[in-house]
PDB file of N, CA and C in Angstrom:
ATOM      1  N   MET A   1     107.466 117.406  73.520  1.00  0.00           N
ATOM      2  CA  MET A   1     107.301 117.821  74.800  1.00  0.00           C
ATOM      3  C   MET A   1     107.078 116.777  75.667  1.00  0.00           C
ATOM      4  N   THR A   2     107.457 116.926  77.003  1.00  0.00           N
ATOM      5  CA  THR A   2     107.741 115.888  77.853  1.00  0.00           C
ATOM      6  C   THR A   2     106.560 116.363  78.959  1.00  0.00           C
ATOM      7  N   GLN A   3     105.711 115.398  79.318  1.00  0.00           N
ATOM      8  CA  GLN A   3     104.709 115.430  80.409  1.00  0.00           C
ATOM      9  C   GLN A   3     105.046 114.522  81.431  1.00  0.00           C
ATOM     10  N   ARG A   4     104.766 114.885  82.917  1.00  0.00           N
ATOM     11  CA  ARG A   4     105.128 114.042  83.912  1.00  0.00           C
ATOM     12  C   ARG A   4     103.826 114.210  84.905  1.00  0.00           C
ATOM     13  N   PHE A   5     103.462 112.860  85.216  1.00  0.00           N
ATOM     14  CA  PHE A   5     102.219 112.681  86.046  1.00  0.00           C
ATOM     15  C   PHE A   5     102.852 111.828  87.234  1.00  0.00           C
ATOM     16  N   SER A   6     102.292 112.096  88.371  1.00  0.00           N
ATOM     17  CA  SER A   6     102.518 111.245  89.784  1.00  0.00           C
ATOM     18  C   SER A   6     101.601 110.118  89.591  1.00  0.00           C
ATOM     19  N   LEU A   7     102.226 108.817  89.833  1.00  0.00           N
ATOM     20  CA  LEU A   7     101.195 107.791  90.047  1.00  0.00           C
ATOM     21  C   LEU A   7     100.989 107.361  91.482  1.00  0.00           C
ATOM     22  N   GLY A   8     101.304 108.399  92.262  1.00  0.00           N
ATOM     23  CA  GLY A   8     101.044 108.329  93.851  1.00  0.00           C
ATOM     24  C   GLY A   8     102.134 107.388  94.520  1.00  0.00           C
ATOM     25  N   LEU A   9     101.918 107.399  95.793  1.00  0.00           N
ATOM     26  CA  LEU A   9     102.664 106.652  96.828  1.00  0.00           C
ATOM     27  C   LEU A   9     102.554 105.038  96.953  1.00  0.00           C
ATOM     28  N   ASP A  10     103.399 104.483  97.138  1.00  0.00           N
ATOM     29  CA  ASP A  10     103.401 102.922  97.548  1.00  0.00           C
ATOM     30  C   ASP A  10     102.638 102.920  98.705  1.00  0.00           C
ATOM     31  N   ALA A  11     102.303 101.547  99.201  1.00  0.00           N
ATOM     32  CA  ALA A  11     101.301 100.986 100.400  1.00  0.00           C
ATOM     33  C   ALA A  11     102.035 101.761 101.518  1.00  0.00           C
ATOM     34  N   TRP A  12     103.312 101.654 101.511  1.00  0.00           N
ATOM     35  CA  TRP A  12     103.999 102.123 102.957  1.00  0.00           C
ATOM     36  C   TRP A  12     104.217 103.587 102.926  1.00  0.00           C
ATOM     37  N   GLY A  13     103.901 104.475 101.788  1.00  0.00           N
ATOM     38  CA  GLY A  13     104.140 105.702 101.773  1.00  0.00           C
ATOM     39  C   GLY A  13     105.520 106.339 101.677  1.00  0.00           C
ATOM     40  N   SER A  14     106.469 105.502 101.083  1.00  0.00           N
ATOM     41  CA  SER A  14     107.847 105.928 100.962  1.00  0.00           C
ATOM     42  C   SER A  14     108.318 106.013  99.649  1.00  0.00           C
ATOM     43  N   THR A  15     107.617 105.474  98.556  1.00  0.00           N
ATOM     44  CA  THR A  15     108.031 105.665  97.135  1.00  0.00           C
ATOM     45  C   THR A  15     107.015 106.107  96.481  1.00  0.00           C
ATOM     46  N   GLU A  16     107.502 107.200  95.782  1.00  0.00           N
ATOM     47  CA  GLU A  16     106.403 107.940  94.708  1.00  0.00           C
ATOM     48  C   GLU A  16     107.142 107.559  93.470  1.00  0.00           C
ATOM     49  N   SER A  17     105.957 106.992  92.559  1.00  0.00           N
ATOM     50  CA  SER A  17     106.275 106.768  91.151  1.00  0.00           C
ATOM     51  C   SER A  17     105.784 107.889  90.202  1.00  0.00           C
ATOM     52  N   PHE A  18     106.634 108.113  89.370  1.00  0.00           N
ATOM     53  CA  PHE A  18     106.075 109.169  88.252  1.00  0.00           C
ATOM     54  C   PHE A  18     106.244 108.553  86.864  1.00  0.00           C
ATOM     55  N   VAL A  19     105.384 108.990  86.021  1.00  0.00           N
ATOM     56  CA  VAL A  19     105.457 108.612  84.502  1.00  0.00           C
ATOM     57  C   VAL A  19     105.650 109.981  83.752  1.00  0.00           C
ATOM     58  N   HIS A  20     106.548 109.599  82.927  1.00  0.00           N
ATOM     59  CA  HIS A  20     106.982 110.726  81.806  1.00  0.00           C
ATOM     60  C   HIS A  20     106.768 110.351  80.531  1.00  0.00           C
ATOM     61  N   PHE A  21     105.839 111.237  79.882  1.00  0.00           N
ATOM     62  CA  PHE A  21     105.416 110.904  78.378  1.00  0.00           C
ATOM     63  C   PHE A  21     106.392 111.884  77.592  1.00  0.00           C
ATOM     64  N   ASP A  22     107.191 111.430  76.721  1.00  0.00           N
ATOM     65  CA  ASP A  22     108.107 112.208  75.823  1.00  0.00           C
ATOM     66  C   ASP A  22     107.506 112.078  74.420  1.00  0.00           C
ATOM     67  N   ASP A  23     106.552 113.003  73.758  1.00  0.00           N
ATOM     68  CA  ASP A  23     106.043 113.029  72.492  1.00  0.00           C
ATOM     69  C   ASP A  23     107.268 113.067  71.624  1.00  0.00           C
ATOM     70  N   SER A  24     108.327 113.778  71.770  1.00  0.00           N
ATOM     71  CA  SER A  24     109.102 113.922  70.772  1.00  0.00           C
ATOM     72  C   SER A  24     109.889 112.665  70.334  1.00  0.00           C
ATOM     73  N   GLU A  25     110.260 111.882  71.520  1.00  0.00           N
ATOM     74  CA  GLU A  25     110.857 110.641  71.195  1.00  0.00           C
ATOM     75  C   GLU A  25     110.223 109.466  71.324  1.00  0.00           C
ATOM     76  N   ASP A  26     108.867 109.409  71.374  1.00  0.00           N
ATOM     77  CA  ASP A  26     107.711 108.462  71.498  1.00  0.00           C
ATOM     78  C   ASP A  26     108.050 107.311  72.296  1.00  0.00           C
ATOM     79  N   ARG A  27     108.365 108.005  73.611  1.00  0.00           N
ATOM     80  CA  ARG A  27     108.711 106.954  74.764  1.00  0.00           C
ATOM     81  C   ARG A  27     108.121 107.420  76.075  1.00  0.00           C
ATOM     82  N   ILE A  28     108.016 106.254  77.020  1.00  0.00           N
ATOM     83  CA  ILE A  28     107.437 106.465  78.440  1.00  0.00           C
ATOM     84  C   ILE A  28     108.552 106.032  79.360  1.00  0.00           C
ATOM     85  N   VAL A  29     108.773 106.852  80.427  1.00  0.00           N
ATOM     86  CA  VAL A  29     109.669 106.518  81.075  1.00  0.00           C
ATOM     87  C   VAL A  29     109.003 106.463  82.596  1.00  0.00           C
ATOM     88  N   ILE A  30     109.426 105.461  83.560  1.00  0.00           N
ATOM     89  CA  ILE A  30     108.702 105.417  85.036  1.00  0.00           C
ATOM     90  C   ILE A  30     109.970 105.660  85.860  1.00  0.00           C
ATOM     91  N   GLN A  31     109.797 106.538  86.569  1.00  0.00           N
ATOM     92  CA  GLN A  31     110.651 107.068  87.626  1.00  0.00           C
ATOM     93  C   GLN A  31     110.106 106.855  88.989  1.00  0.00           C
ATOM     94  N   ASN A  32     110.874 106.262  89.963  1.00  0.00           N
ATOM     95  CA  ASN A  32     110.504 105.814  91.427  1.00  0.00           C
ATOM     96  C   ASN A  32     111.594 107.070  92.050  1.00  0.00           C
ATOM     97  N   SER A  33     110.909 107.546  93.221  1.00  0.00           N
ATOM     98  CA  SER A  33     111.720 108.218  94.145  1.00  0.00           C
ATOM     99  C   SER A  33     111.404 108.034  95.488  1.00  0.00           C
ATOM    100  N   THR A  34     112.438 107.761  96.193  1.00  0.00           N
ATOM    101  CA  THR A  34     111.965 107.115  97.572  1.00  0.00           C
ATOM    102  C   THR A  34     112.806 107.793  98.655  1.00  0.00           C
ATOM    103  N   ASP A  35     112.238 108.174  99.723  1.00  0.00           N
ATOM    104  CA  ASP A  35     112.836 108.922 100.715  1.00  0.00           C
ATOM    105  C   ASP A  35     113.222 108.007 101.771  1.00  0.00           C
ATOM    106  N   VAL A  36     114.623 107.827 102.022  1.00  0.00           N
ATOM    107  CA  VAL A  36     115.266 106.586 102.792  1.00  0.00           C
ATOM    108  C   VAL A  36     115.648 107.377 104.111  1.00  0.00           C
ATOM    109  N   GLU A  37     115.489 108.448 104.497  1.00  0.00           N
ATOM    110  CA  GLU A  37     115.643 109.222 105.509  1.00  0.00           C
ATOM    111  C   GLU A  37     115.134 108.390 106.849  1.00  0.00           C
ATOM    112  N   PRO A  38     113.917 108.289 106.806  1.00  0.00           N
ATOM    113  CA  PRO A  38     113.369 107.793 108.067  1.00  0.00           C
ATOM    114  C   PRO A  38     114.085 106.517 108.187  1.00  0.00           C
ATOM    115  N   GLN A  39     114.374 105.497 107.416  1.00  0.00           N
ATOM    116  CA  GLN A  39     115.231 104.325 107.527  1.00  0.00           C
ATOM    117  C   GLN A  39     116.387 104.564 107.986  1.00  0.00           C
ATOM    118  N   ILE A  40     117.128 105.423 107.567  1.00  0.00           N
ATOM    119  CA  ILE A  40     118.527 105.819 108.164  1.00  0.00           C
ATOM    120  C   ILE A  40     118.497 106.156 109.449  1.00  0.00           C
ATOM    121  N   GLU A  41     117.665 107.336 109.701  1.00  0.00           N
ATOM    122  CA  GLU A  41     117.509 107.618 111.095  1.00  0.00           C
ATOM    123  C   GLU A  41     117.112 106.491 112.135  1.00  0.00           C
ATOM    124  N   ALA A  42     116.154 105.619 111.692  1.00  0.00           N
ATOM    125  CA  ALA A  42     116.123 104.449 112.680  1.00  0.00           C
ATOM    126  C   ALA A  42     117.202 103.584 112.748  1.00  0.00           C
ATOM    127  N   ASN A  43     118.080 103.182 111.432  1.00  0.00           N
ATOM    128  CA  ASN A  43     119.320 102.638 111.989  1.00  0.00           C
ATOM    129  C   ASN A  43     120.200 103.376 112.828  1.00  0.00           C
ATOM    130  N   LYS A  44     120.424 104.636 112.575  1.00  0.00           N
ATOM    131  CA  LYS A  44     121.257 105.415 113.543  1.00  0.00           C
ATOM    132  C   LYS A  44     120.992 105.187 115.029  1.00  0.00           C
ATOM    133  N   THR A  45     119.656 105.236 115.315  1.00  0.00           N
ATOM    134  CA  THR A  45     119.175 105.204 116.851  1.00  0.00           C
ATOM    135  C   THR A  45     119.563 103.823 117.165  1.00  0.00           C
ATOM    136  N   ALA A  46     119.060 102.585 116.307  1.00  0.00           N
ATOM    137  CA  ALA A  46     119.085 101.310 116.737  1.00  0.00           C
ATOM    138  C   ALA A  46     120.752 100.908 117.055  1.00  0.00           C
ATOM    139  N   ALA A  47     121.585 101.696 115.980  1.00  0.00           N
ATOM    140  CA  ALA A  47     123.069 101.195 116.192  1.00  0.00           C
ATOM    141  C   ALA A  47     123.679 101.774 117.520  1.00  0.00           C
ATOM    142  N   THR A  48     122.937 102.897 117.964  1.00  0.00           N
ATOM    143  CA  THR A  48     123.606 103.319 119.432  1.00  0.00           C
ATOM    144  C   THR A  48     122.917 102.721 120.636  1.00  0.00           C
ATOM    145  N   ASN A  49     121.561 102.127 120.450  1.00  0.00           N
ATOM    146  CA  ASN A  49     120.823 101.489 121.340  1.00  0.00           C
ATOM    147  C   ASN A  49     120.808  99.881 121.446  1.00  0.00           C
ATOM    148  N   TRP A  50     121.120  99.436 120.704  1.00  0.00           N
ATOM    149  CA  TRP A  50     120.923  97.900 120.594  1.00  0.00           C
ATOM    150  C   TRP A  50     122.151  97.183 120.002  1.00  0.00           C
ATOM    151  N   ASP A  51     122.214  96.012 120.393  1.00  0.00           N
ATOM    152  CA  ASP A  51     123.461  95.284 120.036  1.00  0.00           C
ATOM    153  C   ASP A  51     122.922  94.341 118.812  1.00  0.00           C
ATOM    154  N   GLY A  52     121.680  94.291 118.246  1.00  0.00           N
ATOM    155  CA  GLY A  52     121.450  93.436 117.156  1.00  0.00           C
ATOM    156  C   GLY A  52     120.796  92.208 117.214  1.00  0.00           C
ATOM    157  N   PHE A  53     120.981  91.671 118.487  1.00  0.00           N
ATOM    158  CA  PHE A  53     120.930  90.033 119.080  1.00  0.00           C
ATOM    159  C   PHE A  53     119.407  90.197 119.093  1.00  0.00           C
ATOM    160  N   SER A  54     118.733  89.017 118.589  1.00  0.00           N
ATOM    161  CA  SER A  54     117.495  88.648 118.977  1.00  0.00           C
ATOM    162  C   SER A  54     117.417  88.259 120.234  1.00  0.00           C
ATOM    163  N   CYS A  55     116.090  88.032 121.030  1.00  0.00           N
ATOM    164  CA  CYS A  55     116.134  87.794 122.528  1.00  0.00           C
ATOM    165  C   CYS A  55     116.701  86.503 122.821  1.00  0.00           C
ATOM    166  N   THR A  56     116.768  85.418 121.833  1.00  0.00           N
ATOM    167  CA  THR A  56     117.331  84.184 122.204  1.00  0.00           C
ATOM    168  C   THR A  56     119.025  84.228 121.990  1.00  0.00           C
ATOM    169  N   ARG A  57     119.282  85.537 121.333  1.00  0.00           N
ATOM    170  CA  ARG A  57     120.654  85.549 120.946  1.00  0.00           C
ATOM    171  C   ARG A  57     121.273  84.506 119.861  1.00  0.00           C
ATOM    172  N   GLU A  58     120.486  84.022 119.102  1.00  0.00           N
ATOM    173  CA  GLU A  58     120.588  82.924 117.920  1.00  0.00           C
ATOM    174  C   GLU A  58     120.789  83.901 116.916  1.00  0.00           C
ATOM    175  N   SER A  59     120.477  84.872 116.574  1.00  0.00           N
ATOM    176  CA  SER A  59     120.757  85.652 115.252  1.00  0.00           C
ATOM    177  C   SER A  59     120.886  87.163 115.821  1.00  0.00           C
ATOM    178  N   ARG A  60     121.617  87.979 114.768  1.00  0.00           N
ATOM    179  CA  ARG A  60     121.810  89.004 114.955  1.00  0.00           C
ATOM    180  C   ARG A  60     121.498  89.832 113.597  1.00  0.00           C
ATOM    181  N   GLU A  61     120.791  91.075 113.772  1.00  0.00           N
ATOM    182  CA  GLU A  61     120.663  92.167 112.546  1.00  0.00           C
ATOM    183  C   GLU A  61     121.922  92.930 112.675  1.00  0.00           C
ATOM    184  N   ILE A  62     122.663  93.206 111.437  1.00  0.00           N
ATOM    185  CA  ILE A  62     123.767  94.340 111.362  1.00  0.00           C
ATOM    186  C   ILE A  62     123.504  95.378 110.762  1.00  0.00           C
ATOM    187  N   ALA A  63     122.443  95.152 109.471  1.00  0.00           N
ATOM    188  CA  ALA A  63     122.208  96.398 108.865  1.00  0.00           C
ATOM    189  C   ALA A  63     120.868  96.275 108.534  1.00  0.00           C
ATOM    190  N   ASP A  64     120.153  97.279 107.937  1.00  0.00           N
ATOM    191  CA  ASP A  64     118.875  97.300 107.542  1.00  0.00           C
ATOM    192  C   ASP A  64     118.832  98.336 106.201  1.00  0.00           C
ATOM    193  N   ILE A  65     119.200  97.629 104.957  1.00  0.00           N
ATOM    194  CA  ILE A  65     119.501  98.659 103.854  1.00  0.00           C
ATOM    195  C   ILE A  65     118.049  98.844 103.196  1.00  0.00           C
ATOM    196  N   PRO A  66     118.034  99.934 102.939  1.00  0.00           N
ATOM    197  CA  PRO A  66     116.815 100.467 102.382  1.00  0.00           C
ATOM    198  C   PRO A  66     116.629  99.847 100.815  1.00  0.00           C
ATOM    199  N   VAL A  67     115.467  99.487 100.358  1.00  0.00           N
ATOM    200  CA  VAL A  67     115.215  98.778  99.065  1.00  0.00           C
ATOM    201  C   VAL A  67     115.970  99.630  97.788  1.00  0.00           C
ATOM    202  N   ALA A  68     115.876 101.104  98.046  1.00  0.00           N
ATOM    203  CA  ALA A  68     116.224 101.845  97.053  1.00  0.00           C
ATOM    204  C   ALA A  68     117.730 101.946  96.953  1.00  0.00           C
ATOM    205  N   VAL A  69     118.622 101.606  98.014  1.00  0.00           N
ATOM    206  CA  VAL A  69     120.032 101.402  97.987  1.00  0.00           C
ATOM    207  C   VAL A  69     120.523 100.182  97.484  1.00  0.00           C
ATOM    208  N   ILE A  70     119.631  98.923  97.684  1.00  0.00           N
ATOM    209  CA  ILE A  70     119.714  97.723  96.958  1.00  0.00           C
ATOM    210  C   ILE A  70     119.642  97.961  95.899  1.00  0.00           C
ATOM    211  N   HIS A  71     118.849  98.576  95.220  1.00  0.00           N
ATOM    212  CA  HIS A  71     118.487  98.668  93.767  1.00  0.00           C
ATOM    213  C   HIS A  71     119.540  99.413  93.094  1.00  0.00           C
ATOM    214  N   GLN A  72     120.203 100.397  93.990  1.00  0.00           N
ATOM    215  CA  GLN A  72     121.395 101.059  93.154  1.00  0.00           C
ATOM    216  C   GLN A  72     122.619 100.388  93.355  1.00  0.00           C
ATOM    217  N   TRP A  73     122.808  99.701  94.228  1.00  0.00           N
ATOM    218  CA  TRP A  73     124.113  98.739  94.288  1.00  0.00           C
ATOM    219  C   TRP A  73     124.117  97.775  93.274  1.00  0.00           C
ATOM    220  N   LEU A  74     122.776  97.345  92.713  1.00  0.00           N
ATOM    221  CA  LEU A  74     122.625  96.273  91.672  1.00  0.00           C
ATOM    222  C   LEU A  74     122.776  96.907  90.311  1.00  0.00           C
ATOM    223  N   ILE A  75     122.135  97.961  90.210  1.00  0.00           N
ATOM    224  CA  ILE A  75     122.479  98.692  88.801  1.00  0.00           C
ATOM    225  C   ILE A  75     123.827  99.307  88.633  1.00  0.00           C
ATOM    226  N   GLU A  76     124.441  99.869  89.633  1.00  0.00           N
ATOM    227  CA  GLU A  76     125.452 100.662  89.633  1.00  0.00           C
ATOM    228  C   GLU A  76     126.885  99.573  89.708  1.00  0.00           C
ATOM    229  N   ASP A  77     126.544  98.684  90.404  1.00  0.00           N
ATOM    230  CA  ASP A  77     127.909  97.839  90.769  1.00  0.00           C
ATOM    231  C   ASP A  77     127.514  96.212  90.759  1.00  0.00           C
ATOM    232  N   GLY A  78     126.630  95.945  90.412  1.00  0.00           N
ATOM    233  CA  GLY A  78     126.280  94.593  89.939  1.00  0.00           C
ATOM    234  C   GLY A  78     126.242  93.696  91.332  1.00  0.00           C
ATOM    235  N   ILE A  79     126.061  94.215  92.456  1.00  0.00           N
ATOM    236  CA  ILE A  79     125.867  93.666  93.752  1.00  0.00           C
ATOM    237  C   ILE A  79     124.584  93.251  93.930  1.00  0.00           C
ATOM    238  N   ASP A  80     123.994  91.976  94.178  1.00  0.00           N
ATOM    239  CA  ASP A  80     123.004  91.396  94.316  1.00  0.00           C
ATOM    240  C   ASP A  80     122.762  91.039  95.617  1.00  0.00           C
ATOM    241  N   VAL A  81     122.246  91.801  96.527  1.00  0.00           N
ATOM    242  CA  VAL A  81     122.316  91.634  97.954  1.00  0.00           C
ATOM    243  C   VAL A  81     121.508  90.609  98.403  1.00  0.00           C
ATOM    244  N   PHE A  82     120.747  90.067  97.529  1.00  0.00           N
ATOM    245  CA  PHE A  82     119.796  88.663  97.726  1.00  0.00           C
ATOM    246  C   PHE A  82     120.935  87.455  97.773  1.00  0.00           C
ATOM    247  N   ALA A  83     121.581  87.597  96.841  1.00  0.00           N
ATOM    248  CA  ALA A  83     122.487  86.381  96.892  1.00  0.00           C
ATOM    249  C   ALA A  83     123.747  86.122  97.919  1.00  0.00           C
ATOM    250  N   PHE A  84     123.458  87.018  99.074  1.00  0.00           N
ATOM    251  CA  PHE A  84     124.321  87.081 100.053  1.00  0.00           C
ATOM    252  C   PHE A  84     124.699  85.804 100.735  1.00  0.00           C
ATOM    253  N   ASN A  85     123.883  84.845 100.969  1.00  0.00           N
ATOM    254  CA  ASN A  85     123.875  83.847 101.674  1.00  0.00           C
ATOM    255  C   ASN A  85     124.419  82.588 100.589  1.00  0.00           C
ATOM    256  N   ARG A  86     124.367  83.003  99.316  1.00  0.00           N
ATOM    257  CA  ARG A  86     124.509  81.847  98.197  1.00  0.00           C
ATOM    258  C   ARG A  86     125.966  82.198  97.530  1.00  0.00           C
ATOM    259  N   ASP A  87     126.357  83.369  97.592  1.00  0.00           N
ATOM    260  CA  ASP A  87     127.701  83.674  96.822  1.00  0.00           C
ATOM    261  C   ASP A  87     128.721  84.459  97.657  1.00  0.00           C
ATOM    262  N   PRO A  88     129.804  83.754  97.920  1.00  0.00           N
ATOM    263  CA  PRO A  88     130.794  84.261  98.829  1.00  0.00           C
ATOM    264  C   PRO A  88     131.207  85.539  98.242  1.00  0.00           C
ATOM    265  N   SER A  89     131.380  85.598  96.997  1.00  0.00           N
ATOM    266  CA  SER A  89     131.852  86.874  96.554  1.00  0.00           C
ATOM    267  C   SER A  89     130.944  88.053  96.835  1.00  0.00           C
ATOM    268  N   VAL A  90     129.597  87.777  96.819  1.00  0.00           N
ATOM    269  CA  VAL A  90     128.542  88.833  97.066  1.00  0.00           C
ATOM    270  C   VAL A  90     128.748  89.189  98.381  1.00  0.00           C
ATOM    271  N   ARG A  91     128.965  88.212  99.383  1.00  0.00           N
ATOM    272  CA  ARG A  91     128.866  88.327 101.068  1.00  0.00           C
ATOM    273  C   ARG A  91     130.280  89.330 101.053  1.00  0.00           C
ATOM    274  N   ARG A  92     131.210  89.219 100.481  1.00  0.00           N
ATOM    275  CA  ARG A  92     132.403  89.914 100.613  1.00  0.00           C
ATOM    276  C   ARG A  92     132.058  91.471 100.358  1.00  0.00           C
ATOM    277  N   LYS A  93     131.654  91.456  99.368  1.00  0.00           N
ATOM    278  CA  LYS A  93     131.430  92.857  98.785  1.00  0.00           C
ATOM    279  C   LYS A  93     130.461  93.637  99.638  1.00  0.00           C
ATOM    280  N   VAL A  94     129.260  92.999 100.194  1.00  0.00           N
ATOM    281  CA  VAL A  94     128.302  93.720 100.796  1.00  0.00           C
ATOM    282  C   VAL A  94     128.858  93.787 102.208  1.00  0.00           C
ATOM    283  N   LEU A  95     129.706  92.782 102.803  1.00  0.00           N
ATOM    284  CA  LEU A  95     130.208  93.266 104.257  1.00  0.00           C
ATOM    285  C   LEU A  95     131.457  94.273 104.175  1.00  0.00           C
ATOM    286  N   ARG A  96     131.939  94.367 102.897  1.00  0.00           N
ATOM    287  CA  ARG A  96     133.062  95.520 102.814  1.00  0.00           C
ATOM    288  C   ARG A  96     132.392  96.949 102.756  1.00  0.00           C
ATOM    289  N   ARG A  97     131.115  96.902 102.081  1.00  0.00           N
ATOM    290  CA  ARG A  97     130.335  98.105 102.112  1.00  0.00           C
ATOM    291  C   ARG A  97     130.123  98.469 103.476  1.00  0.00           C
ATOM    292  N   LEU A  98     129.463  97.333 104.283  1.00  0.00           N
ATOM    293  CA  LEU A  98     128.905  97.660 105.776  1.00  0.00           C
ATOM    294  C   LEU A  98     130.148  98.214 106.788  1.00  0.00           C
ATOM    295  N   ARG A  99     131.430  97.763 106.296  1.00  0.00           N
ATOM    296  CA  ARG A  99     132.395  98.052 107.318  1.00  0.00           C
ATOM    297  C   ARG A  99     133.042  99.533 106.612  1.00  0.00           C
ATOM    298  N   ASP A 100     132.475 100.033 105.501  1.00  0.00           N
ATOM    299  CA  ASP A 100     132.775 101.174 104.762  1.00  0.00           C
ATOM    300  C   ASP A 100     132.089 102.574 105.862  1.00  0.00           C
ATOM    301  N   PRO A 101     133.090 103.467 106.275  1.00  0.00           N
ATOM    302  CA  PRO A 101     132.403 104.716 107.092  1.00  0.00           C
ATOM    303  C   PRO A 101     131.342 105.423 106.355  1.00  0.00           C
ATOM    304  N   ASP A 102     131.552 105.481 104.743  1.00  0.00           N
ATOM    305  CA  ASP A 102     130.548 106.225 104.002  1.00  0.00           C
ATOM    306  C   ASP A 102     129.373 105.524 104.089  1.00  0.00           C
ATOM    307  N   TYR A 103     129.286 104.145 104.646  1.00  0.00           N
ATOM    308  CA  TYR A 103     127.896 103.503 104.558  1.00  0.00           C
ATOM    309  C   TYR A 103     127.280 103.144 105.916  1.00  0.00           C
ATOM    310  N   ARG A 104     127.981 103.644 106.801  1.00  0.00           N
ATOM    311  CA  ARG A 104     128.025 103.438 108.424  1.00  0.00           C
ATOM    312  C   ARG A 104     126.360 103.494 108.529  1.00  0.00           C
ATOM    313  N   HIS A 105     125.759 104.373 108.069  1.00  0.00           N
ATOM    314  CA  HIS A 105     124.274 104.668 108.437  1.00  0.00           C
ATOM    315  C   HIS A 105     123.548 103.452 107.985  1.00  0.00           C
ATOM    316  N   LEU A 106     123.917 102.478 107.291  1.00  0.00           N
ATOM    317  CA  LEU A 106     123.027 101.582 107.033  1.00  0.00           C
ATOM    318  C   LEU A 106     123.008 100.498 108.088  1.00  0.00           C
ATOM    319  N   ARG A 107     123.987 100.467 109.091  1.00  0.00           N
ATOM    320  CA  ARG A 107     124.062  99.607 109.998  1.00  0.00           C
ATOM    321  C   ARG A 107     123.175 100.042 111.194  1.00  0.00           C
ATOM    322  N   SER A 108     122.600  98.585 111.496  1.00  0.00           N
ATOM    323  CA  SER A 108     121.485  98.843 112.472  1.00  0.00           C
ATOM    324  C   SER A 108     121.884  98.439 114.002  1.00  0.00           C
ATOM    325  N   SER A 109     123.304  97.815 114.103  1.00  0.00           N
ATOM    326  CA  SER A 109     123.795  97.553 115.311  1.00  0.00           C
ATOM    327  C   SER A 109     125.255  97.702 115.563  1.00  0.00           C
ATOM    328  N   SER A 110     125.667  97.669 116.561  1.00  0.00           N
ATOM    329  CA  SER A 110     127.161  98.035 116.855  1.00  0.00           C
ATOM    330  C   SER A 110     127.950  96.804 116.676  1.00  0.00           C
ATOM    331  N   GLY A 111     129.116  96.600 116.802  1.00  0.00           N
ATOM    332  CA  GLY A 111     130.232  95.445 116.831  1.00  0.00           C
ATOM    333  C   GLY A 111     130.524  95.091 115.492  1.00  0.00           C
ATOM    334  N   GLN A 112     131.405  94.114 115.486  1.00  0.00           N
ATOM    335  CA  GLN A 112     132.138  93.905 114.092  1.00  0.00           C
ATOM    336  C   GLN A 112     131.325  93.049 113.128  1.00  0.00           C
ATOM    337  N   VAL A 113     131.651  93.250 111.760  1.00  0.00           N
ATOM    338  CA  VAL A 113     130.814  92.816 110.645  1.00  0.00           C
ATOM    339  C   VAL A 113     131.984  91.753 110.286  1.00  0.00           C
TER     340      VAL A 113
END
């Protein structure tokens, strides 16, 4: 019989963790559930109202990718977003995703990527 217990929300109130105890298979599974919708909505607003540049115009934010999506890309596709500046192949893969209309909601500014 499987029992499920909530471990509560993280410090930011966006990720809830659950523990599943499975007596029949003698194992424990930890599940995280994240609501990315507020971040997606903030990206949509920013993309229509902001060009992404800093006040000094020295840097530009092009996307704000939820940690849950970063984790999904790593697990499903082997894309380590944190290697963006170190690995040209990762850079190409991430930029390709950000140009894809299916991922436009991750963009936080307009313009070319």
